Every structure is written in structure tokens, then in C-alpha cells.
């Protein structure tokens, strides 16, 4: 019986992508709401332009980390034609993996004697 190859480790996610996934962890959102959430979440340090945001969304859709979903947007009493996005099960797993990876980096940094003082 042939052995099934081990799955390749997931690549580290970029900081903007992590924040996009964090925005969607709170519920389905359209692109502009994701942009606003990331800007607020990072205190303005990360400002996603339309090209960056929608390229990242396209890559996340292709990777199966997010999916398009229905969403009602009743601004001004009209149904807007916005696309909403939500995390998939794979997206939740990727976000959890990334949080653990970043946590491990912080833990190792805190254990370093020269850095311990500055990270306390």
C-alpha cells in the first residue's frame, strides 16, 4: 500500500493577511468593512489600498481560506450589491496555526536573557 505523503507545512501568512482573517473571525464582512477593521485594529499602521485588499481576498478565495457568502446590506433602504466574505474551516485552521506560530516566536523571545528585560 503506497504511503500518503505528509502534508506540506503551511507557509507563514503576511501581516495584512493575518489582519484580514482576524477581521473575518468576527463575522462575514464586505471588502470595505474589512479595510476599515484592519485600519482600526492596527491603529492605522496597516492601511489596505483597494489593489492590495482585493488581491489578498482573491488569493484567500483561491486557497480556500475564505469563501464568498451572502450578506444583506440595507443602506438607504436598498439592497447593495456588495460581496461578503467569511472564513472557511481551512481559514480558521490557518489563523489558529498562525497565532500559535507567532505566540511561539514571542515565547522564545521572552526566554532570551537579553530580550527578557525589554519584553516584560
PDB file of N, CA and C in Angstrom:
ATOM      1  N   UNK A   1       0.853  -1.185   0.000  1.00  0.00           N
ATOM      2  CA  UNK A   1       0.000   0.000   0.000  1.00  0.00           C
ATOM      3  C   UNK A   1       0.891   1.238   0.000  1.00  0.00           C
ATOM      4  N   UNK A   2       0.746   2.110  -0.996  1.00  0.00           N
ATOM      5  CA  UNK A   2       1.590   3.313  -1.032  1.00  0.00           C
ATOM      6  C   UNK A   2       1.277   4.244   0.131  1.00  0.00           C
ATOM      7  N   UNK A   3       2.358   4.807   0.624  1.00  0.00           N
ATOM      8  CA  UNK A   3       2.196   5.746   1.749  1.00  0.00           C
ATOM      9  C   UNK A   3       1.721   7.090   1.231  1.00  0.00           C
ATOM     10  N   UNK A   4       0.862   7.670   1.990  1.00  0.00           N
ATOM     11  CA  UNK A   4       0.362   9.009   1.652  1.00  0.00           C
ATOM     12  C   UNK A   4       1.427  10.029   2.052  1.00  0.00           C
ATOM     13  N   UNK A   5       1.802  10.933   1.134  1.00  0.00           N
ATOM     14  CA  UNK A   5       2.830  11.916   1.511  1.00  0.00           C
ATOM     15  C   UNK A   5       2.334  12.832   2.635  1.00  0.00           C
ATOM     16  N   UNK A   6       3.282  13.192   3.483  1.00  0.00           N
ATOM     17  CA  UNK A   6       2.942  14.101   4.594  1.00  0.00           C
ATOM     18  C   UNK A   6       2.547  15.453   4.024  1.00  0.00           C
ATOM     19  N   UNK A   7       1.544  16.081   4.622  1.00  0.00           N
ATOM     20  CA  UNK A   7       1.156  17.405   4.117  1.00  0.00           C
ATOM     21  C   UNK A   7       2.285  18.405   4.322  1.00  0.00           C
ATOM     22  N   UNK A   8       2.414  19.303   3.346  1.00  0.00           N
ATOM     23  CA  UNK A   8       3.448  20.332   3.460  1.00  0.00           C
ATOM     24  C   UNK A   8       3.052  21.322   4.543  1.00  0.00           C
ATOM     25  N   UNK A   9       4.044  21.797   5.297  1.00  0.00           N
ATOM     26  CA  UNK A   9       3.700  22.789   6.320  1.00  0.00           C
ATOM     27  C   UNK A   9       3.158  24.047   5.660  1.00  0.00           C
ATOM     28  N   UNK A  10       2.235  24.653   6.344  1.00  0.00           N
ATOM     29  CA  UNK A  10       1.614  25.869   5.837  1.00  0.00           C
ATOM     30  C   UNK A  10       2.634  27.008   5.861  1.00  0.00           C
ATOM     31  N   UNK A  11       2.647  27.813   4.821  1.00  0.00           N
ATOM     32  CA  UNK A  11       3.545  28.969   4.774  1.00  0.00           C
ATOM     33  C   UNK A  11       3.046  30.027   5.759  1.00  0.00           C
ATOM     34  N   UNK A  12       3.983  30.777   6.292  1.00  0.00           N
ATOM     35  CA  UNK A  12       3.608  31.879   7.181  1.00  0.00           C
ATOM     36  C   UNK A  12       2.785  32.892   6.400  1.00  0.00           C
ATOM     37  N   UNK A  13       1.786  33.433   7.046  1.00  0.00           N
ATOM     38  CA  UNK A  13       0.923  34.422   6.411  1.00  0.00           C
ATOM     39  C   UNK A  13       1.521  35.810   6.591  1.00  0.00           C
ATOM     40  N   UNK A  14       1.250  36.673   5.647  1.00  0.00           N
ATOM     41  CA  UNK A  14       1.726  38.060   5.771  1.00  0.00           C
ATOM     42  C   UNK A  14       0.877  38.777   6.829  1.00  0.00           C
ATOM     43  N   UNK A  15       1.417  39.852   7.341  1.00  0.00           N
ATOM     44  CA  UNK A  15       0.707  40.617   8.367  1.00  0.00           C
ATOM     45  C   UNK A  15      -0.650  41.138   7.876  1.00  0.00           C
ATOM     46  N   UNK A  16      -0.735  41.722   6.664  1.00  0.00           N
ATOM     47  CA  UNK A  16      -2.063  42.148   6.195  1.00  0.00           C
ATOM     48  C   UNK A  16      -3.051  40.989   6.103  1.00  0.00           C
ATOM     49  N   UNK A  17      -2.593  39.838   5.644  1.00  0.00           N
ATOM     50  CA  UNK A  17      -3.493  38.676   5.526  1.00  0.00           C
ATOM     51  C   UNK A  17      -3.959  38.218   6.903  1.00  0.00           C
ATOM     52  N   UNK A  18      -3.066  38.208   7.870  1.00  0.00           N
ATOM     53  CA  UNK A  18      -3.469  37.837   9.233  1.00  0.00           C
ATOM     54  C   UNK A  18      -4.576  38.776   9.713  1.00  0.00           C
ATOM     55  N   UNK A  19      -4.405  40.061   9.472  1.00  0.00           N
ATOM     56  CA  UNK A  19      -5.423  41.017   9.923  1.00  0.00           C
ATOM     57  C   UNK A  19      -6.729  40.865   9.149  1.00  0.00           C
ATOM     58  N   UNK A  20      -6.662  40.515   7.885  1.00  0.00           N
ATOM     59  CA  UNK A  20      -7.891  40.263   7.115  1.00  0.00           C
ATOM     60  C   UNK A  20      -8.621  39.060   7.727  1.00  0.00           C
ATOM     61  N   UNK A  21      -7.889  38.001   8.034  1.00  0.00           N
ATOM     62  CA  UNK A  21      -8.519  36.818   8.629  1.00  0.00           C
ATOM     63  C   UNK A  21      -9.083  37.158  10.010  1.00  0.00           C
ATOM     64  N   UNK A  22      -8.376  37.982  10.775  1.00  0.00           N
ATOM     65  CA  UNK A  22      -8.885  38.389  12.095  1.00  0.00           C
ATOM     66  C   UNK A  22     -10.175  39.192  11.952  1.00  0.00           C
ATOM     67  N   UNK A  23     -10.236  40.050  10.932  1.00  0.00           N
ATOM     68  CA  UNK A  23     -11.470  40.824  10.694  1.00  0.00           C
ATOM     69  C   UNK A  23     -12.627  39.875  10.401  1.00  0.00           C
ATOM     70  N   UNK A  24     -12.358  38.830   9.643  1.00  0.00           N
ATOM     71  CA  UNK A  24     -13.424  37.883   9.280  1.00  0.00           C
ATOM     72  C   UNK A  24     -13.739  36.905  10.407  1.00  0.00           C
ATOM     73  N   UNK A  25     -12.857  36.805  11.383  1.00  0.00           N
ATOM     74  CA  UNK A  25     -13.132  35.930  12.532  1.00  0.00           C
ATOM     75  C   UNK A  25     -14.311  36.475  13.344  1.00  0.00           C
ATOM     76  N   UNK A  26     -14.609  37.735  13.165  1.00  0.00           N
ATOM     77  CA  UNK A  26     -15.728  38.348  13.893  1.00  0.00           C
ATOM     78  C   UNK A  26     -17.039  38.247  13.119  1.00  0.00           C
ATOM     79  N   UNK A  27     -16.981  37.716  11.906  1.00  0.00           N
ATOM     80  CA  UNK A  27     -18.193  37.529  11.110  1.00  0.00           C
ATOM     81  C   UNK A  27     -17.960  37.937   9.671  1.00  0.00           C
ATOM     82  N   UNK A  28     -18.907  37.587   8.819  1.00  0.00           N
ATOM     83  CA  UNK A  28     -18.801  37.901   7.395  1.00  0.00           C
ATOM     84  C   UNK A  28     -18.782  39.413   7.201  1.00  0.00           C
ATOM     85  N   UNK A  29     -17.955  39.856   6.272  1.00  0.00           N
ATOM     86  CA  UNK A  29     -17.831  41.290   6.000  1.00  0.00           C
ATOM     87  C   UNK A  29     -17.585  41.508   4.517  1.00  0.00           C
ATOM     88  N   UNK A  30     -17.940  42.695   4.060  1.00  0.00           N
ATOM     89  CA  UNK A  30     -17.598  43.082   2.694  1.00  0.00           C
ATOM     90  C   UNK A  30     -16.235  43.753   2.713  1.00  0.00           C
ATOM     91  N   UNK A  31     -15.661  43.969   1.528  1.00  0.00           N
ATOM     92  CA  UNK A  31     -14.299  44.468   1.423  1.00  0.00           C
ATOM     93  C   UNK A  31     -14.043  45.751   2.187  1.00  0.00           C
ATOM     94  N   UNK A  32     -14.953  46.719   2.060  1.00  0.00           N
ATOM     95  CA  UNK A  32     -14.721  47.997   2.733  1.00  0.00           C
ATOM     96  C   UNK A  32     -14.721  47.824   4.252  1.00  0.00           C
ATOM     97  N   UNK A  33     -15.602  46.970   4.762  1.00  0.00           N
ATOM     98  CA  UNK A  33     -15.637  46.729   6.214  1.00  0.00           C
ATOM     99  C   UNK A  33     -14.352  46.039   6.680  1.00  0.00           C
ATOM    100  N   UNK A  34     -13.823  45.157   5.848  1.00  0.00           N
ATOM    101  CA  UNK A  34     -12.542  44.511   6.189  1.00  0.00           C
ATOM    102  C   UNK A  34     -11.453  45.571   6.255  1.00  0.00           C
ATOM    103  N   UNK A  35     -11.407  46.428   5.248  1.00  0.00           N
ATOM    104  CA  UNK A  35     -10.402  47.504   5.193  1.00  0.00           C
ATOM    105  C   UNK A  35     -10.478  48.376   6.441  1.00  0.00           C
ATOM    106  N   UNK A  36     -11.691  48.786   6.803  1.00  0.00           N
ATOM    107  CA  UNK A  36     -11.877  49.638   7.980  1.00  0.00           C
ATOM    108  C   UNK A  36     -11.451  48.920   9.261  1.00  0.00           C
ATOM    109  N   UNK A  37     -11.825  47.644   9.389  1.00  0.00           N
ATOM    110  CA  UNK A  37     -11.478  46.884  10.589  1.00  0.00           C
ATOM    111  C   UNK A  37      -9.962  46.759  10.737  1.00  0.00           C
ATOM    112  N   UNK A  38      -9.285  46.461   9.637  1.00  0.00           N
ATOM    113  CA  UNK A  38      -7.824  46.310   9.697  1.00  0.00           C
ATOM    114  C   UNK A  38      -7.181  47.636  10.096  1.00  0.00           C
ATOM    115  N   UNK A  39      -7.660  48.715   9.531  1.00  0.00           N
ATOM    116  CA  UNK A  39      -7.097  50.029   9.858  1.00  0.00           C
ATOM    117  C   UNK A  39      -7.304  50.351  11.340  1.00  0.00           C
ATOM    118  N   UNK A  40      -8.506  50.087  11.848  1.00  0.00           N
ATOM    119  CA  UNK A  40      -8.790  50.353  13.266  1.00  0.00           C
ATOM    120  C   UNK A  40      -8.000  49.412  14.171  1.00  0.00           C
ATOM    121  N   UNK A  41      -7.964  48.121  13.792  1.00  0.00           N
ATOM    122  CA  UNK A  41      -7.274  47.101  14.594  1.00  0.00           C
ATOM    123  C   UNK A  41      -5.791  47.408  14.756  1.00  0.00           C
ATOM    124  N   UNK A  42      -5.194  48.018  13.717  1.00  0.00           N
ATOM    125  CA  UNK A  42      -3.756  48.279  13.751  1.00  0.00           C
ATOM    126  C   UNK A  42      -3.435  49.726  14.091  1.00  0.00           C
ATOM    127  N   UNK A  43      -4.436  50.475  14.504  1.00  0.00           N
ATOM    128  CA  UNK A  43      -4.206  51.877  14.838  1.00  0.00           C
ATOM    129  C   UNK A  43      -3.713  52.678  13.640  1.00  0.00           C
ATOM    130  N   UNK A  44      -4.103  52.250  12.450  1.00  0.00           N
ATOM    131  CA  UNK A  44      -3.712  52.954  11.235  1.00  0.00           C
ATOM    132  C   UNK A  44      -2.368  52.523  10.674  1.00  0.00           C
ATOM    133  N   UNK A  45      -1.690  51.590  11.352  1.00  0.00           N
ATOM    134  CA  UNK A  45      -0.375  51.142  10.877  1.00  0.00           C
ATOM    135  C   UNK A  45      -0.495  50.376   9.558  1.00  0.00           C
ATOM    136  N   UNK A  46      -1.603  49.656   9.382  1.00  0.00           N
ATOM    137  CA  UNK A  46      -1.826  48.932   8.123  1.00  0.00           C
ATOM    138  C   UNK A  46      -3.056  49.527   7.471  1.00  0.00           C
ATOM    139  N   UNK A  47      -2.843  50.146   6.328  1.00  0.00           N
ATOM    140  CA  UNK A  47      -3.931  50.713   5.516  1.00  0.00           C
ATOM    141  C   UNK A  47      -3.921  49.976   4.188  1.00  0.00           C
ATOM    142  N   UNK A  48      -4.970  49.202   3.973  1.00  0.00           N
ATOM    143  CA  UNK A  48      -5.034  48.389   2.766  1.00  0.00           C
ATOM    144  C   UNK A  48      -5.659  49.195   1.636  1.00  0.00           C
ATOM    145  N   UNK A  49      -4.895  49.408   0.582  1.00  0.00           N
ATOM    146  CA  UNK A  49      -5.447  50.027  -0.617  1.00  0.00           C
ATOM    147  C   UNK A  49      -6.306  48.997  -1.338  1.00  0.00           C
ATOM    148  N   UNK A  50      -7.164  49.453  -2.261  1.00  0.00           N
ATOM    149  CA  UNK A  50      -8.058  48.516  -2.944  1.00  0.00           C
ATOM    150  C   UNK A  50      -7.303  47.391  -3.664  1.00  0.00           C
ATOM    151  N   UNK A  51      -6.193  47.712  -4.320  1.00  0.00           N
ATOM    152  CA  UNK A  51      -5.439  46.685  -5.037  1.00  0.00           C
ATOM    153  C   UNK A  51      -4.908  45.614  -4.100  1.00  0.00           C
ATOM    154  N   UNK A  52      -4.302  46.047  -3.013  1.00  0.00           N
ATOM    155  CA  UNK A  52      -3.747  45.110  -2.034  1.00  0.00           C
ATOM    156  C   UNK A  52      -4.847  44.271  -1.406  1.00  0.00           C
ATOM    157  N   UNK A  53      -5.937  44.925  -0.997  1.00  0.00           N
ATOM    158  CA  UNK A  53      -7.032  44.216  -0.338  1.00  0.00           C
ATOM    159  C   UNK A  53      -7.647  43.162  -1.249  1.00  0.00           C
ATOM    160  N   UNK A  54      -8.027  43.562  -2.462  1.00  0.00           N
ATOM    161  CA  UNK A  54      -8.737  42.618  -3.319  1.00  0.00           C
ATOM    162  C   UNK A  54      -7.824  41.552  -3.916  1.00  0.00           C
ATOM    163  N   UNK A  55      -6.533  41.846  -4.072  1.00  0.00           N
ATOM    164  CA  UNK A  55      -5.590  40.790  -4.467  1.00  0.00           C
ATOM    165  C   UNK A  55      -5.469  39.770  -3.347  1.00  0.00           C
ATOM    166  N   UNK A  56      -5.384  40.243  -2.107  1.00  0.00           N
ATOM    167  CA  UNK A  56      -5.302  39.320  -0.961  1.00  0.00           C
ATOM    168  C   UNK A  56      -6.582  38.499  -0.846  1.00  0.00           C
ATOM    169  N   UNK A  57      -7.729  39.156  -1.021  1.00  0.00           N
ATOM    170  CA  UNK A  57      -9.004  38.427  -0.958  1.00  0.00           C
ATOM    171  C   UNK A  57      -9.047  37.355  -2.049  1.00  0.00           C
ATOM    172  N   UNK A  58      -8.600  37.686  -3.250  1.00  0.00           N
ATOM    173  CA  UNK A  58      -8.606  36.701  -4.340  1.00  0.00           C
ATOM    174  C   UNK A  58      -7.708  35.511  -4.002  1.00  0.00           C
ATOM    175  N   UNK A  59      -6.526  35.794  -3.454  1.00  0.00           N
ATOM    176  CA  UNK A  59      -5.616  34.697  -3.090  1.00  0.00           C
ATOM    177  C   UNK A  59      -6.224  33.837  -1.980  1.00  0.00           C
ATOM    178  N   UNK A  60      -6.885  34.478  -1.017  1.00  0.00           N
ATOM    179  CA  UNK A  60      -7.512  33.732   0.079  1.00  0.00           C
ATOM    180  C   UNK A  60      -8.677  32.886  -0.430  1.00  0.00           C
ATOM    181  N   UNK A  61      -9.423  33.413  -1.409  1.00  0.00           N
ATOM    182  CA  UNK A  61     -10.510  32.629  -2.028  1.00  0.00           C
ATOM    183  C   UNK A  61      -9.930  31.415  -2.745  1.00  0.00           C
ATOM    184  N   UNK A  62      -8.873  31.633  -3.528  1.00  0.00           N
ATOM    185  CA  UNK A  62      -8.255  30.535  -4.284  1.00  0.00           C
ATOM    186  C   UNK A  62      -7.653  29.484  -3.368  1.00  0.00           C
ATOM    187  N   UNK A  63      -7.155  29.904  -2.222  1.00  0.00           N
ATOM    188  CA  UNK A  63      -6.573  28.963  -1.251  1.00  0.00           C
ATOM    189  C   UNK A  63      -7.636  28.275  -0.398  1.00  0.00           C
ATOM    190  N   UNK A  64      -8.871  28.708  -0.529  1.00  0.00           N
ATOM    191  CA  UNK A  64      -9.957  28.101   0.254  1.00  0.00           C
ATOM    192  C   UNK A  64      -9.997  28.554   1.701  1.00  0.00           C
ATOM    193  N   UNK A  65      -9.302  29.641   2.013  1.00  0.00           N
ATOM    194  CA  UNK A  65      -9.281  30.120   3.399  1.00  0.00           C
ATOM    195  C   UNK A  65     -10.488  30.999   3.710  1.00  0.00           C
ATOM    196  N   UNK A  66     -11.063  31.594   2.669  1.00  0.00           N
ATOM    197  CA  UNK A  66     -12.304  32.349   2.826  1.00  0.00           C
ATOM    198  C   UNK A  66     -13.234  31.950   1.690  1.00  0.00           C
ATOM    199  N   UNK A  67     -14.493  32.267   1.855  1.00  0.00           N
ATOM    200  CA  UNK A  67     -15.488  31.988   0.811  1.00  0.00           C
ATOM    201  C   UNK A  67     -16.428  33.167   0.712  1.00  0.00           C
ATOM    202  N   UNK A  68     -16.944  33.352  -0.475  1.00  0.00           N
ATOM    203  CA  UNK A  68     -17.949  34.387  -0.665  1.00  0.00           C
ATOM    204  C   UNK A  68     -19.243  33.893  -0.038  1.00  0.00           C
ATOM    205  N   UNK A  69     -19.960  34.784   0.589  1.00  0.00           N
ATOM    206  CA  UNK A  69     -21.190  34.404   1.251  1.00  0.00           C
ATOM    207  C   UNK A  69     -22.230  35.485   1.020  1.00  0.00           C
ATOM    208  N   UNK A  70     -23.457  35.145   1.279  1.00  0.00           N
ATOM    209  CA  UNK A  70     -24.498  36.151   1.104  1.00  0.00           C
ATOM    210  C   UNK A  70     -24.482  37.094   2.299  1.00  0.00           C
ATOM    211  N   UNK A  71     -24.868  38.301   2.055  1.00  0.00           N
ATOM    212  CA  UNK A  71     -24.927  39.270   3.133  1.00  0.00           C
ATOM    213  C   UNK A  71     -25.859  40.382   2.736  1.00  0.00           C
ATOM    214  N   UNK A  72     -26.722  40.728   3.618  1.00  0.00           N
ATOM    215  CA  UNK A  72     -27.649  41.815   3.328  1.00  0.00           C
ATOM    216  C   UNK A  72     -27.026  43.125   3.763  1.00  0.00           C
ATOM    217  N   UNK A  73     -27.137  44.119   2.944  1.00  0.00           N
ATOM    218  CA  UNK A  73     -26.597  45.436   3.266  1.00  0.00           C
ATOM    219  C   UNK A  73     -27.678  46.444   2.917  1.00  0.00           C
ATOM    220  N   UNK A  74     -28.433  46.819   3.896  1.00  0.00           N
ATOM    221  CA  UNK A  74     -29.615  47.631   3.638  1.00  0.00           C
ATOM    222  C   UNK A  74     -29.372  49.111   3.908  1.00  0.00           C
ATOM    223  N   UNK A  75     -28.297  49.651   3.322  1.00  0.00           N
ATOM    224  CA  UNK A  75     -28.041  51.079   3.474  1.00  0.00           C
ATOM    225  C   UNK A  75     -29.037  51.851   2.618  1.00  0.00           C
ATOM    226  N   UNK A  76     -29.569  52.905   3.145  1.00  0.00           N
ATOM    227  CA  UNK A  76     -30.526  53.757   2.438  1.00  0.00           C
ATOM    228  C   UNK A  76     -31.730  52.977   1.937  1.00  0.00           C
ATOM    229  N   UNK A  77     -32.090  51.922   2.620  1.00  0.00           N
ATOM    230  CA  UNK A  77     -33.261  51.156   2.248  1.00  0.00           C
ATOM    231  C   UNK A  77     -33.101  50.352   0.974  1.00  0.00           C
ATOM    232  N   UNK A  78     -31.902  50.253   0.454  1.00  0.00           N
ATOM    233  CA  UNK A  78     -31.682  49.496  -0.772  1.00  0.00           C
ATOM    234  C   UNK A  78     -30.731  48.344  -0.505  1.00  0.00           C
ATOM    235  N   UNK A  79     -30.914  47.306  -1.243  1.00  0.00           N
ATOM    236  CA  UNK A  79     -30.018  46.152  -1.143  1.00  0.00           C
ATOM    237  C   UNK A  79     -28.762  46.453  -1.961  1.00  0.00           C
ATOM    238  N   UNK A  80     -27.648  46.589  -1.313  1.00  0.00           N
ATOM    239  CA  UNK A  80     -26.404  46.889  -2.017  1.00  0.00           C
ATOM    240  C   UNK A  80     -25.881  45.624  -2.684  1.00  0.00           C
ATOM    241  N   UNK A  81     -25.071  45.814  -3.680  1.00  0.00           N
ATOM    242  CA  UNK A  81     -24.507  44.688  -4.429  1.00  0.00           C
ATOM    243  C   UNK A  81     -23.092  44.400  -3.939  1.00  0.00           C
ATOM    244  N   UNK A  82     -22.933  44.278  -2.673  1.00  0.00           N
ATOM    245  CA  UNK A  82     -21.606  44.027  -2.129  1.00  0.00           C
ATOM    246  C   UNK A  82     -21.360  42.530  -2.004  1.00  0.00           C
ATOM    247  N   UNK A  83     -20.103  42.174  -2.103  1.00  0.00           N
ATOM    248  CA  UNK A  83     -19.705  40.782  -1.895  1.00  0.00           C
ATOM    249  C   UNK A  83     -19.229  40.645  -0.457  1.00  0.00           C
ATOM    250  N   UNK A  84     -19.743  39.652   0.208  1.00  0.00           N
ATOM    251  CA  UNK A  84     -19.340  39.381   1.580  1.00  0.00           C
ATOM    252  C   UNK A  84     -18.432  38.164   1.601  1.00  0.00           C
ATOM    253  N   UNK A  85     -17.532  38.159   2.564  1.00  0.00           N
ATOM    254  CA  UNK A  85     -16.576  37.064   2.693  1.00  0.00           C
ATOM    255  C   UNK A  85     -16.614  36.542   4.119  1.00  0.00           C
ATOM    256  N   UNK A  86     -16.373  35.241   4.246  1.00  0.00           N
ATOM    257  CA  UNK A  86     -16.364  34.607   5.562  1.00  0.00           C
ATOM    258  C   UNK A  86     -15.231  33.590   5.620  1.00  0.00           C
ATOM    259  N   UNK A  87     -14.760  33.339   6.815  1.00  0.00           N
ATOM    260  CA  UNK A  87     -13.728  32.316   6.996  1.00  0.00           C
ATOM    261  C   UNK A  87     -14.305  30.938   6.729  1.00  0.00           C
ATOM    262  N   UNK A  88     -13.527  30.091   6.100  1.00  0.00           N
ATOM    263  CA  UNK A  88     -13.887  28.683   5.959  1.00  0.00           C
ATOM    264  C   UNK A  88     -13.240  27.919   7.117  1.00  0.00           C
ATOM    265  N   UNK A  89     -13.524  26.635   7.218  1.00  0.00           N
ATOM    266  CA  UNK A  89     -12.874  25.809   8.252  1.00  0.00           C
ATOM    267  C   UNK A  89     -11.354  25.834   8.057  1.00  0.00           C
ATOM    268  N   UNK A  90     -10.924  25.806   6.788  1.00  0.00           N
ATOM    269  CA  UNK A  90      -9.488  25.871   6.494  1.00  0.00           C
ATOM    270  C   UNK A  90      -8.916  27.231   6.904  1.00  0.00           C
ATOM    271  N   UNK A  91      -9.698  28.285   6.731  1.00  0.00           N
ATOM    272  CA  UNK A  91      -9.270  29.625   7.142  1.00  0.00           C
ATOM    273  C   UNK A  91      -9.113  29.728   8.650  1.00  0.00           C
ATOM    274  N   UNK A  92     -10.068  29.140   9.377  1.00  0.00           N
ATOM    275  CA  UNK A  92      -9.944  29.129  10.844  1.00  0.00           C
ATOM    276  C   UNK A  92      -8.680  28.375  11.261  1.00  0.00           C
ATOM    277  N   UNK A  93      -8.423  27.238  10.610  1.00  0.00           N
ATOM    278  CA  UNK A  93      -7.230  26.440  10.950  1.00  0.00           C
ATOM    279  C   UNK A  93      -5.961  27.227  10.639  1.00  0.00           C
ATOM    280  N   UNK A  94      -5.934  27.913   9.495  1.00  0.00           N
ATOM    281  CA  UNK A  94      -4.753  28.705   9.131  1.00  0.00           C
ATOM    282  C   UNK A  94      -4.525  29.836  10.130  1.00  0.00           C
ATOM    283  N   UNK A  95      -5.609  30.481  10.540  1.00  0.00           N
ATOM    284  CA  UNK A  95      -5.491  31.577  11.507  1.00  0.00           C
ATOM    285  C   UNK A  95      -5.000  31.052  12.857  1.00  0.00           C
ATOM    286  N   UNK A  96      -5.543  29.937  13.290  1.00  0.00           N
ATOM    287  CA  UNK A  96      -5.092  29.343  14.559  1.00  0.00           C
ATOM    288  C   UNK A  96      -3.623  28.939  14.478  1.00  0.00           C
ATOM    289  N   UNK A  97      -3.220  28.319  13.365  1.00  0.00           N
ATOM    290  CA  UNK A  97      -1.810  27.937  13.182  1.00  0.00           C
ATOM    291  C   UNK A  97      -0.908  29.170  13.253  1.00  0.00           C
ATOM    292  N   UNK A  98      -1.340  30.246  12.610  1.00  0.00           N
ATOM    293  CA  UNK A  98      -0.523  31.461  12.584  1.00  0.00           C
ATOM    294  C   UNK A  98      -0.414  32.078  13.981  1.00  0.00           C
ATOM    295  N   UNK A  99      -1.500  32.085  14.713  1.00  0.00           N
ATOM    296  CA  UNK A  99      -1.476  32.628  16.078  1.00  0.00           C
ATOM    297  C   UNK A  99      -0.535  31.800  16.960  1.00  0.00           C
ATOM    298  N   UNK A 100      -0.574  30.472  16.796  1.00  0.00           N
ATOM    299  CA  UNK A 100       0.347  29.616  17.570  1.00  0.00           C
ATOM    300  C   UNK A 100       1.798  29.859  17.165  1.00  0.00           C
ATOM    301  N   UNK A 101       2.033  30.017  15.832  1.00  0.00           N
ATOM    302  CA  UNK A 101       3.395  30.252  15.342  1.00  0.00           C
ATOM    303  C   UNK A 101       3.937  31.567  15.897  1.00  0.00           C
ATOM    304  N   UNK A 102       3.123  32.620  15.838  1.00  0.00           N
ATOM    305  CA  UNK A 102       3.572  33.915  16.347  1.00  0.00           C
ATOM    306  C   UNK A 102       3.750  33.881  17.861  1.00  0.00           C
ATOM    307  N   UNK A 103       2.873  33.155  18.553  1.00  0.00           N
ATOM    308  CA  UNK A 103       2.999  33.017  20.007  1.00  0.00           C
ATOM    309  C   UNK A 103       4.302  32.323  20.384  1.00  0.00           C
ATOM    310  N   UNK A 104       4.658  31.308  19.602  1.00  0.00           N
ATOM    311  CA  UNK A 104       5.909  30.581  19.882  1.00  0.00           C
ATOM    312  C   UNK A 104       7.111  31.500  19.687  1.00  0.00           C
ATOM    313  N   UNK A 105       7.054  32.358  18.685  1.00  0.00           N
ATOM    314  CA  UNK A 105       8.155  33.314  18.459  1.00  0.00           C
ATOM    315  C   UNK A 105       8.262  34.260  19.653  1.00  0.00           C
ATOM    316  N   UNK A 106       7.144  34.771  20.119  1.00  0.00           N
ATOM    317  CA  UNK A 106       7.149  35.689  21.267  1.00  0.00           C
ATOM    318  C   UNK A 106       7.652  34.958  22.515  1.00  0.00           C
ATOM    319  N   UNK A 107       7.222  33.707  22.705  1.00  0.00           N
ATOM    320  CA  UNK A 107       7.689  32.942  23.869  1.00  0.00           C
ATOM    321  C   UNK A 107       9.203  32.753  23.837  1.00  0.00           C
ATOM    322  N   UNK A 108       9.746  32.422  22.646  1.00  0.00           N
ATOM    323  CA  UNK A 108      11.204  32.246  22.534  1.00  0.00           C
ATOM    324  C   UNK A 108      11.926  33.567  22.788  1.00  0.00           C
ATOM    325  N   UNK A 109      11.364  34.658  22.306  1.00  0.00           N
ATOM    326  CA  UNK A 109      11.990  35.964  22.525  1.00  0.00           C
ATOM    327  C   UNK A 109      11.980  36.311  24.012  1.00  0.00           C
ATOM    328  N   UNK A 110      10.866  36.018  24.671  1.00  0.00           N
ATOM    329  CA  UNK A 110      10.773  36.314  26.106  1.00  0.00           C
ATOM    330  C   UNK A 110      11.733  35.478  26.928  1.00  0.00           C
ATOM    331  N   UNK A 111      12.082  34.297  26.419  1.00  0.00           N
ATOM    332  CA  UNK A 111      13.002  33.423  27.148  1.00  0.00           C
ATOM    333  C   UNK A 111      14.460  33.859  26.976  1.00  0.00           C
ATOM    334  N   UNK A 112      14.741  34.682  25.999  1.00  0.00           N
ATOM    335  CA  UNK A 112      16.113  35.122  25.756  1.00  0.00           C
ATOM    336  C   UNK A 112      16.507  36.148  26.819  1.00  0.00           C
ATOM    337  N   UNK A 113      17.641  35.898  27.514  1.00  0.00           N
ATOM    338  CA  UNK A 113      18.023  36.793  28.624  1.00  0.00           C
ATOM    339  C   UNK A 113      18.180  38.258  28.218  1.00  0.00           C
ATOM    340  N   UNK A 114      18.730  38.508  27.053  1.00  0.00           N
ATOM    341  CA  UNK A 114      18.949  39.904  26.652  1.00  0.00           C
ATOM    342  C   UNK A 114      17.648  40.600  26.274  1.00  0.00           C
ATOM    343  N   UNK A 115      16.653  39.826  25.867  1.00  0.00           N
ATOM    344  CA  UNK A 115      15.386  40.417  25.462  1.00  0.00           C
ATOM    345  C   UNK A 115      14.355  40.413  26.582  1.00  0.00           C
ATOM    346  N   UNK A 116      14.557  39.558  27.567  1.00  0.00           N
ATOM    347  CA  UNK A 116      13.568  39.388  28.631  1.00  0.00           C
ATOM    348  C   UNK A 116      13.227  40.704  29.308  1.00  0.00           C
ATOM    349  N   UNK A 117      14.249  41.513  29.561  1.00  0.00           N
ATOM    350  CA  UNK A 117      14.044  42.773  30.269  1.00  0.00           C
ATOM    351  C   UNK A 117      13.135  43.713  29.471  1.00  0.00           C
ATOM    352  N   UNK A 118      13.341  43.775  28.158  1.00  0.00           N
ATOM    353  CA  UNK A 118      12.569  44.682  27.334  1.00  0.00           C
ATOM    354  C   UNK A 118      11.159  44.198  27.036  1.00  0.00           C
ATOM    355  N   UNK A 119      10.899  42.914  27.181  1.00  0.00           N
ATOM    356  CA  UNK A 119       9.591  42.358  26.862  1.00  0.00           C
ATOM    357  C   UNK A 119       8.723  42.146  28.092  1.00  0.00           C
ATOM    358  N   UNK A 120       9.247  42.439  29.255  1.00  0.00           N
ATOM    359  CA  UNK A 120       8.477  42.195  30.478  1.00  0.00           C
ATOM    360  C   UNK A 120       7.304  43.130  30.597  1.00  0.00           C
TER     361      UNK A 120
END
